[in-house]
N, C-alpha and C. Protein backbone atom coordinates (compact mmCIF):
# COMPACT_ATOMS: atom_id res chain seq x y z
N MET A 1 163.78 -21.02 -4.40
CA MET A 1 162.42 -21.29 -4.77
C MET A 1 161.50 -20.66 -3.72
N SER A 2 160.58 -19.85 -4.17
CA SER A 2 159.66 -19.18 -3.26
C SER A 2 158.54 -20.13 -2.84
N TYR A 3 157.89 -19.76 -1.76
CA TYR A 3 156.75 -20.50 -1.25
C TYR A 3 155.61 -19.52 -1.06
N LYS A 4 154.37 -20.06 -1.18
CA LYS A 4 153.21 -19.19 -1.12
C LYS A 4 152.15 -19.81 -0.20
N LEU A 5 151.59 -19.00 0.68
CA LEU A 5 150.47 -19.40 1.53
C LEU A 5 149.28 -18.58 1.08
N GLU A 6 148.28 -19.27 0.50
CA GLU A 6 147.12 -18.58 -0.05
C GLU A 6 145.99 -18.52 0.96
N LYS A 7 145.18 -17.48 0.81
CA LYS A 7 143.99 -17.34 1.65
C LYS A 7 142.96 -18.35 1.19
N PRO A 8 142.13 -18.84 2.03
CA PRO A 8 142.04 -18.52 3.45
C PRO A 8 143.04 -19.35 4.26
N TYR A 9 143.59 -18.73 5.27
CA TYR A 9 144.46 -19.42 6.21
C TYR A 9 144.18 -18.90 7.61
N THR A 10 144.49 -19.71 8.58
CA THR A 10 144.24 -19.32 9.97
C THR A 10 145.45 -18.56 10.49
N SER A 11 145.29 -17.92 11.63
CA SER A 11 146.40 -17.20 12.25
C SER A 11 147.51 -18.18 12.64
N THR A 12 147.14 -19.40 13.01
CA THR A 12 148.14 -20.41 13.35
C THR A 12 148.91 -20.83 12.09
N GLN A 13 148.22 -21.01 10.97
CA GLN A 13 148.89 -21.36 9.72
C GLN A 13 149.82 -20.23 9.28
N ARG A 14 149.39 -18.99 9.45
CA ARG A 14 150.22 -17.82 9.12
C ARG A 14 151.49 -17.82 9.97
N ALA A 15 151.30 -17.99 11.27
CA ALA A 15 152.45 -17.99 12.19
C ALA A 15 153.40 -19.14 11.86
N ASP A 16 152.86 -20.34 11.60
CA ASP A 16 153.70 -21.49 11.26
C ASP A 16 154.47 -21.25 9.96
N PHE A 17 153.82 -20.64 8.97
CA PHE A 17 154.46 -20.33 7.69
C PHE A 17 155.63 -19.36 7.90
N ILE A 18 155.40 -18.33 8.70
CA ILE A 18 156.46 -17.34 8.97
C ILE A 18 157.61 -17.96 9.74
N VAL A 19 157.29 -18.76 10.75
CA VAL A 19 158.35 -19.40 11.55
C VAL A 19 159.18 -20.33 10.67
N LEU A 20 158.51 -21.17 9.89
CA LEU A 20 159.23 -22.13 9.04
C LEU A 20 160.10 -21.43 8.01
N HIS A 21 159.53 -20.49 7.30
CA HIS A 21 160.25 -19.91 6.16
C HIS A 21 161.16 -18.75 6.53
N ASN A 22 160.76 -17.93 7.49
CA ASN A 22 161.59 -16.79 7.86
C ASN A 22 162.55 -17.14 8.99
N HIS A 23 162.01 -17.53 10.10
CA HIS A 23 162.84 -17.75 11.29
C HIS A 23 163.78 -18.95 11.14
N GLN A 24 163.30 -20.02 10.51
CA GLN A 24 164.11 -21.23 10.41
C GLN A 24 164.93 -21.31 9.12
N ASN A 25 164.43 -20.70 8.05
CA ASN A 25 165.11 -20.85 6.76
C ASN A 25 165.56 -19.53 6.15
N GLY A 26 165.35 -18.43 6.83
CA GLY A 26 165.90 -17.14 6.41
C GLY A 26 165.27 -16.51 5.18
N ARG A 27 164.10 -16.96 4.80
CA ARG A 27 163.45 -16.35 3.64
C ARG A 27 162.74 -15.06 4.07
N LYS A 28 162.59 -14.15 3.12
CA LYS A 28 161.90 -12.89 3.37
C LYS A 28 160.40 -13.10 3.14
N ILE A 29 159.60 -12.65 4.09
CA ILE A 29 158.15 -12.79 3.98
C ILE A 29 157.57 -11.48 3.45
N GLU A 30 156.76 -11.61 2.39
CA GLU A 30 156.06 -10.45 1.83
C GLU A 30 154.61 -10.83 1.61
N GLU A 31 153.74 -9.84 1.79
CA GLU A 31 152.32 -10.07 1.60
C GLU A 31 151.91 -9.56 0.22
N GLY A 32 151.15 -10.37 -0.48
CA GLY A 32 150.67 -10.00 -1.81
C GLY A 32 149.43 -9.12 -1.72
N ALA A 33 148.97 -8.65 -2.84
CA ALA A 33 147.82 -7.74 -2.91
C ALA A 33 146.53 -8.39 -2.42
N ASN A 34 146.42 -9.71 -2.53
CA ASN A 34 145.21 -10.42 -2.13
C ASN A 34 145.34 -11.06 -0.76
N GLY A 35 146.36 -10.67 0.00
CA GLY A 35 146.53 -11.19 1.35
C GLY A 35 147.34 -12.47 1.43
N GLU A 36 147.74 -13.01 0.29
CA GLU A 36 148.57 -14.22 0.32
C GLU A 36 149.97 -13.86 0.83
N LEU A 37 150.63 -14.83 1.41
CA LEU A 37 151.99 -14.62 1.92
C LEU A 37 152.98 -15.34 1.02
N PHE A 38 154.10 -14.66 0.76
CA PHE A 38 155.17 -15.23 -0.02
C PHE A 38 156.41 -15.34 0.85
N ALA A 39 157.09 -16.46 0.73
CA ALA A 39 158.40 -16.63 1.37
C ALA A 39 159.42 -16.64 0.24
N LEU A 40 160.24 -15.58 0.20
CA LEU A 40 161.14 -15.36 -0.93
C LEU A 40 162.58 -15.66 -0.56
N GLU A 41 163.30 -16.25 -1.49
CA GLU A 41 164.73 -16.44 -1.34
C GLU A 41 165.41 -15.07 -1.48
N PRO A 42 166.63 -14.94 -1.01
CA PRO A 42 167.30 -13.63 -1.08
C PRO A 42 167.40 -13.06 -2.49
N PHE A 43 167.45 -13.90 -3.49
CA PHE A 43 167.61 -13.44 -4.87
C PHE A 43 166.27 -13.23 -5.58
N GLU A 44 165.17 -13.31 -4.85
CA GLU A 44 163.85 -13.13 -5.44
C GLU A 44 163.21 -11.86 -4.90
N LYS A 45 162.28 -11.31 -5.69
CA LYS A 45 161.49 -10.18 -5.21
C LYS A 45 160.08 -10.31 -5.75
N LEU A 46 159.16 -9.63 -5.09
CA LEU A 46 157.76 -9.66 -5.47
C LEU A 46 157.44 -8.41 -6.27
N VAL A 47 156.95 -8.59 -7.49
CA VAL A 47 156.60 -7.48 -8.36
C VAL A 47 155.18 -7.72 -8.88
N ASN A 48 154.27 -6.85 -8.50
CA ASN A 48 152.87 -6.96 -8.93
C ASN A 48 152.30 -8.35 -8.66
N GLY A 49 152.59 -8.87 -7.49
CA GLY A 49 152.05 -10.17 -7.09
C GLY A 49 152.75 -11.36 -7.72
N GLN A 50 153.83 -11.13 -8.47
CA GLN A 50 154.56 -12.21 -9.12
C GLN A 50 155.98 -12.29 -8.54
N VAL A 51 156.46 -13.50 -8.34
CA VAL A 51 157.82 -13.69 -7.87
C VAL A 51 158.75 -13.57 -9.08
N VAL A 52 159.76 -12.68 -8.95
CA VAL A 52 160.69 -12.42 -10.04
C VAL A 52 162.10 -12.77 -9.58
N ASP A 53 162.84 -13.44 -10.47
CA ASP A 53 164.26 -13.74 -10.19
C ASP A 53 165.05 -12.44 -10.27
N ASN A 54 165.77 -12.14 -9.21
CA ASN A 54 166.50 -10.88 -9.10
C ASN A 54 167.99 -11.17 -8.85
N THR A 55 168.49 -12.23 -9.44
CA THR A 55 169.84 -12.71 -9.16
C THR A 55 170.91 -11.67 -9.44
N ALA A 56 170.85 -11.01 -10.58
CA ALA A 56 171.90 -10.05 -10.95
C ALA A 56 171.98 -8.91 -9.93
N GLU A 57 170.83 -8.34 -9.58
CA GLU A 57 170.81 -7.24 -8.61
C GLU A 57 171.27 -7.74 -7.23
N TYR A 58 170.84 -8.94 -6.86
CA TYR A 58 171.21 -9.53 -5.57
C TYR A 58 172.72 -9.75 -5.50
N GLU A 59 173.32 -10.28 -6.57
CA GLU A 59 174.77 -10.52 -6.58
C GLU A 59 175.54 -9.21 -6.54
N ALA A 60 175.04 -8.19 -7.22
CA ALA A 60 175.69 -6.88 -7.17
C ALA A 60 175.63 -6.30 -5.76
N GLU A 61 174.49 -6.48 -5.09
CA GLU A 61 174.34 -6.01 -3.71
C GLU A 61 175.30 -6.75 -2.78
N LEU A 62 175.41 -8.06 -2.97
CA LEU A 62 176.35 -8.85 -2.16
C LEU A 62 177.79 -8.40 -2.38
N ALA A 63 178.15 -8.15 -3.64
CA ALA A 63 179.51 -7.71 -3.96
C ALA A 63 179.80 -6.35 -3.31
N GLU A 64 178.81 -5.46 -3.33
CA GLU A 64 178.97 -4.14 -2.71
C GLU A 64 179.15 -4.27 -1.20
N LYS A 65 178.35 -5.12 -0.58
CA LYS A 65 178.46 -5.34 0.86
C LYS A 65 179.81 -5.94 1.22
N GLU A 66 180.29 -6.86 0.40
CA GLU A 66 181.60 -7.47 0.66
C GLU A 66 182.72 -6.44 0.50
N ALA A 67 182.61 -5.58 -0.50
CA ALA A 67 183.61 -4.52 -0.68
C ALA A 67 183.61 -3.57 0.51
N GLU A 68 182.43 -3.25 1.01
CA GLU A 68 182.34 -2.40 2.20
C GLU A 68 182.95 -3.09 3.42
N ARG A 69 182.70 -4.38 3.57
CA ARG A 69 183.26 -5.14 4.69
C ARG A 69 184.78 -5.16 4.62
N ILE A 70 185.31 -5.44 3.44
CA ILE A 70 186.76 -5.48 3.25
C ILE A 70 187.37 -4.12 3.54
N ALA A 71 186.74 -3.05 3.08
CA ALA A 71 187.27 -1.70 3.29
C ALA A 71 187.36 -1.34 4.77
N MET A 72 186.50 -1.93 5.59
CA MET A 72 186.50 -1.62 7.02
C MET A 72 187.43 -2.51 7.84
N LEU A 73 188.04 -3.51 7.21
CA LEU A 73 189.01 -4.33 7.94
C LEU A 73 190.16 -3.42 8.37
N ASN A 74 190.66 -3.64 9.57
CA ASN A 74 191.76 -2.79 10.01
C ASN A 74 192.77 -3.57 10.83
N LEU A 75 193.97 -3.06 10.81
CA LEU A 75 195.09 -3.61 11.58
C LEU A 75 195.81 -2.45 12.24
N THR A 76 196.55 -2.75 13.27
CA THR A 76 197.33 -1.68 13.91
C THR A 76 198.51 -1.32 13.03
N ALA A 77 199.06 -0.15 13.28
CA ALA A 77 200.24 0.28 12.55
C ALA A 77 201.37 -0.71 12.74
N ALA A 78 201.50 -1.22 13.96
CA ALA A 78 202.56 -2.20 14.24
C ALA A 78 202.37 -3.47 13.43
N ASP A 79 201.12 -3.94 13.30
CA ASP A 79 200.84 -5.13 12.49
C ASP A 79 201.30 -4.92 11.05
N VAL A 80 200.96 -3.77 10.50
CA VAL A 80 201.27 -3.48 9.10
C VAL A 80 202.78 -3.32 8.91
N GLU A 81 203.42 -2.56 9.76
CA GLU A 81 204.86 -2.33 9.61
C GLU A 81 205.63 -3.64 9.80
N ARG A 82 205.22 -4.45 10.77
CA ARG A 82 205.87 -5.74 11.01
C ARG A 82 205.73 -6.65 9.78
N ALA A 83 204.54 -6.67 9.19
CA ALA A 83 204.31 -7.52 8.02
C ALA A 83 205.15 -7.06 6.83
N ILE A 84 205.21 -5.75 6.61
CA ILE A 84 206.03 -5.24 5.50
C ILE A 84 207.50 -5.56 5.75
N TYR A 85 207.92 -5.45 6.98
CA TYR A 85 209.31 -5.78 7.31
C TYR A 85 209.60 -7.25 7.05
N LYS A 86 208.68 -8.13 7.47
CA LYS A 86 208.89 -9.57 7.26
C LYS A 86 208.81 -9.94 5.78
N ALA A 87 207.93 -9.27 5.04
CA ALA A 87 207.75 -9.60 3.62
C ALA A 87 208.79 -8.94 2.73
N LYS A 88 209.21 -7.72 3.07
CA LYS A 88 210.09 -6.95 2.18
C LYS A 88 211.37 -6.45 2.83
N GLY A 89 211.49 -6.61 4.15
CA GLY A 89 212.69 -6.11 4.83
C GLY A 89 212.70 -4.59 4.94
N MET A 90 211.52 -3.98 4.90
CA MET A 90 211.41 -2.52 4.93
C MET A 90 210.50 -2.09 6.09
N ASP A 91 210.80 -0.90 6.64
CA ASP A 91 209.89 -0.31 7.61
C ASP A 91 209.29 0.94 6.98
N PHE A 92 208.50 1.67 7.75
CA PHE A 92 207.82 2.85 7.21
C PHE A 92 208.80 3.91 6.72
N GLU A 93 209.89 4.10 7.44
CA GLU A 93 210.90 5.08 7.01
C GLU A 93 211.48 4.70 5.65
N ASP A 94 211.72 3.40 5.46
CA ASP A 94 212.24 2.93 4.17
C ASP A 94 211.24 3.20 3.04
N ILE A 95 209.95 3.03 3.32
CA ILE A 95 208.92 3.26 2.31
C ILE A 95 208.88 4.74 1.92
N ILE A 96 208.93 5.60 2.92
CA ILE A 96 208.96 7.05 2.64
C ILE A 96 210.18 7.39 1.79
N GLN A 97 211.32 6.83 2.14
CA GLN A 97 212.54 7.09 1.38
C GLN A 97 212.42 6.56 -0.04
N LEU A 98 211.88 5.37 -0.20
CA LEU A 98 211.69 4.78 -1.52
C LEU A 98 210.81 5.67 -2.39
N ILE A 99 209.72 6.13 -1.84
CA ILE A 99 208.80 6.98 -2.60
C ILE A 99 209.45 8.32 -2.92
N SER A 100 210.15 8.87 -1.96
CA SER A 100 210.85 10.14 -2.19
C SER A 100 211.93 9.98 -3.26
N ASP A 101 212.67 8.88 -3.24
CA ASP A 101 213.73 8.63 -4.23
C ASP A 101 213.18 8.43 -5.63
N GLN A 102 211.99 7.86 -5.73
CA GLN A 102 211.41 7.58 -7.06
C GLN A 102 210.88 8.84 -7.70
N GLY A 103 210.64 9.87 -6.93
CA GLY A 103 210.25 11.17 -7.48
C GLY A 103 209.04 11.14 -8.37
N ASP A 104 209.25 11.37 -9.67
CA ASP A 104 208.13 11.54 -10.60
C ASP A 104 207.76 10.28 -11.36
N SER A 105 208.17 9.12 -10.91
CA SER A 105 207.77 7.91 -11.64
C SER A 105 206.26 7.77 -11.59
N ASP A 106 205.71 7.04 -12.52
CA ASP A 106 204.25 6.92 -12.64
C ASP A 106 203.60 6.40 -11.37
N GLN A 107 204.24 5.45 -10.68
CA GLN A 107 203.63 4.85 -9.51
C GLN A 107 203.51 5.81 -8.35
N VAL A 108 204.43 6.72 -8.19
CA VAL A 108 204.43 7.55 -6.99
C VAL A 108 203.88 8.95 -7.19
N THR A 109 203.59 9.35 -8.42
CA THR A 109 203.10 10.71 -8.62
C THR A 109 201.77 10.93 -7.92
N LYS A 110 201.04 9.87 -7.65
CA LYS A 110 199.75 9.99 -6.99
C LYS A 110 199.89 9.99 -5.47
N ILE A 111 201.08 9.83 -4.95
CA ILE A 111 201.27 9.77 -3.51
C ILE A 111 201.90 11.06 -3.02
N ASP A 112 201.18 11.74 -2.16
CA ASP A 112 201.68 12.93 -1.49
C ASP A 112 202.50 12.44 -0.30
N VAL A 113 203.80 12.61 -0.36
CA VAL A 113 204.70 12.05 0.65
C VAL A 113 204.39 12.59 2.04
N LYS A 114 204.11 13.88 2.15
CA LYS A 114 203.80 14.45 3.46
C LYS A 114 202.50 13.86 4.02
N ALA A 115 201.50 13.72 3.16
CA ALA A 115 200.24 13.11 3.59
C ALA A 115 200.46 11.65 3.97
N LEU A 116 201.30 10.94 3.22
CA LEU A 116 201.60 9.56 3.55
C LEU A 116 202.28 9.45 4.91
N LYS A 117 203.18 10.37 5.21
CA LYS A 117 203.83 10.36 6.53
C LYS A 117 202.78 10.47 7.64
N ILE A 118 201.80 11.33 7.42
CA ILE A 118 200.73 11.48 8.42
C ILE A 118 199.95 10.17 8.54
N GLU A 119 199.62 9.57 7.40
CA GLU A 119 198.88 8.30 7.41
C GLU A 119 199.66 7.21 8.15
N LEU A 120 200.97 7.18 7.95
CA LEU A 120 201.78 6.14 8.59
C LEU A 120 201.89 6.32 10.10
N ASN A 121 201.50 7.49 10.60
CA ASN A 121 201.48 7.72 12.05
C ASN A 121 200.14 7.34 12.68
N ALA A 122 199.19 6.89 11.89
CA ALA A 122 197.88 6.51 12.42
C ALA A 122 198.00 5.27 13.31
N ASN A 123 197.09 5.15 14.25
CA ASN A 123 197.08 3.97 15.12
C ASN A 123 196.55 2.74 14.40
N ASN A 124 195.58 2.94 13.53
CA ASN A 124 194.97 1.83 12.80
C ASN A 124 195.00 2.11 11.31
N PHE A 125 195.18 1.04 10.56
CA PHE A 125 195.19 1.13 9.11
C PHE A 125 193.95 0.39 8.61
N TYR A 126 193.12 1.10 7.84
CA TYR A 126 191.91 0.51 7.28
C TYR A 126 192.19 0.09 5.84
N ARG A 127 191.70 -1.08 5.48
CA ARG A 127 191.94 -1.63 4.15
C ARG A 127 191.43 -0.68 3.07
N GLY A 128 190.38 0.05 3.32
CA GLY A 128 189.80 0.93 2.32
C GLY A 128 190.57 2.22 2.08
N ASN A 129 191.59 2.49 2.87
CA ASN A 129 192.38 3.70 2.70
C ASN A 129 193.15 3.60 1.37
N PRO A 130 193.02 4.60 0.49
CA PRO A 130 193.67 4.51 -0.82
C PRO A 130 195.20 4.44 -0.73
N TYR A 131 195.80 4.92 0.35
CA TYR A 131 197.25 4.81 0.50
C TYR A 131 197.68 3.35 0.62
N ILE A 132 196.81 2.49 1.15
CA ILE A 132 197.14 1.07 1.27
C ILE A 132 197.37 0.48 -0.12
N ASP A 133 196.47 0.75 -1.04
CA ASP A 133 196.63 0.23 -2.41
C ASP A 133 197.84 0.85 -3.10
N ALA A 134 198.03 2.16 -2.93
CA ALA A 134 199.13 2.86 -3.61
C ALA A 134 200.48 2.32 -3.15
N VAL A 135 200.67 2.24 -1.85
CA VAL A 135 201.94 1.73 -1.33
C VAL A 135 202.07 0.24 -1.64
N GLY A 136 200.96 -0.49 -1.53
CA GLY A 136 200.98 -1.91 -1.85
C GLY A 136 201.43 -2.17 -3.28
N THR A 137 200.95 -1.37 -4.21
CA THR A 137 201.35 -1.50 -5.62
C THR A 137 202.85 -1.27 -5.77
N ILE A 138 203.35 -0.22 -5.13
CA ILE A 138 204.78 0.07 -5.20
C ILE A 138 205.61 -1.09 -4.64
N LEU A 139 205.09 -1.72 -3.60
CA LEU A 139 205.81 -2.84 -2.99
C LEU A 139 205.58 -4.16 -3.71
N GLY A 140 204.71 -4.15 -4.72
CA GLY A 140 204.48 -5.36 -5.52
C GLY A 140 203.39 -6.26 -4.97
N PHE A 141 202.54 -5.75 -4.08
CA PHE A 141 201.44 -6.54 -3.54
C PHE A 141 200.21 -6.37 -4.42
N THR A 142 199.49 -7.47 -4.63
CA THR A 142 198.23 -7.39 -5.38
C THR A 142 197.10 -6.99 -4.44
N LYS A 143 195.99 -6.57 -5.02
CA LYS A 143 194.81 -6.24 -4.23
C LYS A 143 194.36 -7.46 -3.43
N GLU A 144 194.41 -8.62 -4.05
CA GLU A 144 193.98 -9.85 -3.38
C GLU A 144 194.89 -10.18 -2.20
N GLN A 145 196.20 -9.99 -2.37
CA GLN A 145 197.13 -10.22 -1.27
C GLN A 145 196.84 -9.28 -0.11
N LEU A 146 196.60 -8.02 -0.41
CA LEU A 146 196.29 -7.05 0.64
C LEU A 146 194.99 -7.39 1.34
N ASP A 147 193.97 -7.79 0.57
CA ASP A 147 192.69 -8.19 1.17
C ASP A 147 192.90 -9.35 2.14
N GLU A 148 193.63 -10.37 1.69
CA GLU A 148 193.87 -11.54 2.54
C GLU A 148 194.69 -11.18 3.77
N PHE A 149 195.67 -10.32 3.59
CA PHE A 149 196.48 -9.89 4.73
C PHE A 149 195.62 -9.18 5.76
N PHE A 150 194.80 -8.25 5.34
CA PHE A 150 193.95 -7.53 6.28
C PHE A 150 192.90 -8.45 6.90
N GLU A 151 192.49 -9.45 6.17
CA GLU A 151 191.51 -10.41 6.69
C GLU A 151 192.12 -11.29 7.77
N THR A 152 193.38 -11.67 7.60
CA THR A 152 193.99 -12.68 8.48
C THR A 152 195.09 -12.16 9.38
N ASN A 153 195.65 -10.99 9.06
CA ASN A 153 196.84 -10.46 9.75
C ASN A 153 197.99 -11.47 9.66
N ASP A 154 198.09 -12.12 8.51
CA ASP A 154 199.14 -13.11 8.26
C ASP A 154 200.05 -12.56 7.16
N TYR A 155 201.25 -12.16 7.55
CA TYR A 155 202.16 -11.53 6.60
C TYR A 155 202.52 -12.45 5.45
N THR A 156 202.42 -13.77 5.62
CA THR A 156 202.78 -14.68 4.53
C THR A 156 201.86 -14.49 3.32
N LYS A 157 200.69 -13.89 3.53
CA LYS A 157 199.80 -13.60 2.40
C LYS A 157 200.45 -12.57 1.47
N LEU A 158 201.39 -11.80 2.00
CA LEU A 158 202.07 -10.79 1.19
C LEU A 158 203.27 -11.35 0.43
N ILE A 159 203.64 -12.58 0.72
CA ILE A 159 204.78 -13.17 0.02
C ILE A 159 204.39 -14.40 -0.77
N SER A 160 203.09 -14.58 -0.97
CA SER A 160 202.61 -15.72 -1.75
C SER A 160 202.92 -15.50 -3.22
N ASP A 161 202.62 -16.50 -4.03
CA ASP A 161 202.90 -16.44 -5.46
C ASP A 161 201.90 -15.60 -6.24
N GLN A 162 200.88 -15.05 -5.59
CA GLN A 162 199.85 -14.30 -6.31
C GLN A 162 200.39 -13.06 -6.99
N GLY A 163 201.24 -12.36 -6.31
CA GLY A 163 201.69 -11.08 -6.85
C GLY A 163 203.13 -11.12 -7.27
N SER A 164 203.61 -9.98 -7.68
CA SER A 164 205.01 -9.87 -8.06
C SER A 164 205.76 -9.25 -6.90
N SER A 165 205.79 -9.95 -5.78
CA SER A 165 206.32 -9.37 -4.55
C SER A 165 207.84 -9.28 -4.55
N ASP A 166 208.48 -9.66 -5.64
CA ASP A 166 209.94 -9.55 -5.70
C ASP A 166 210.40 -8.23 -6.27
N GLN A 167 209.48 -7.34 -6.64
CA GLN A 167 209.85 -6.09 -7.27
C GLN A 167 210.72 -5.20 -6.37
N VAL A 168 210.35 -5.12 -5.09
CA VAL A 168 211.05 -4.24 -4.17
C VAL A 168 211.45 -5.03 -2.95
N THR A 169 212.71 -5.12 -2.67
CA THR A 169 213.19 -5.77 -1.46
C THR A 169 214.39 -5.00 -0.96
N LYS A 170 214.39 -4.74 0.31
CA LYS A 170 215.51 -4.04 0.91
C LYS A 170 216.09 -4.97 1.96
N THR A 171 217.38 -5.09 1.96
CA THR A 171 218.00 -5.93 2.96
C THR A 171 218.63 -5.07 4.04
N HIS A 172 218.61 -5.59 5.23
CA HIS A 172 219.18 -4.90 6.38
C HIS A 172 220.36 -5.72 6.90
N ASN A 173 221.43 -5.06 7.14
CA ASN A 173 222.58 -5.74 7.74
C ASN A 173 222.49 -5.59 9.25
N SER A 174 222.51 -6.70 9.94
CA SER A 174 222.41 -6.64 11.40
C SER A 174 223.76 -6.83 12.03
């Protein structure tokens, strides 16, 4: 719900309005054509002196910002390899071999094995890297599982019931 301070007002009233609504409550302050002040909620905007509900655009902007935030999450190569090993019993060499063995199957035709080898040598893995989704799909991880894993660095997110994580498992004899 927006708030409005109409003229005439004193400089003290203006300052108090801004402090209350912007500094204390996080509303955006905009000045109208007649000098009135509006305190707008994040989902509102001022159009021709009228407060307009902008919920759809605001939610789309929030979703875009969240997608950007998720894409920038990163873990070290060791974190990722350790998690895959704990969840699937595979290391990076096993993944390369798996993809190479599958050859022309639909899932791996989009993965350039040589480029993937280079990616797997990186120091940090960013969630937004398309190889993360491609390899994750082959290993049976859902997008949501990968997001949660990168958010928490908790490998158990990769073995939850959300995805079909039983598709690929390699066992190691010790």
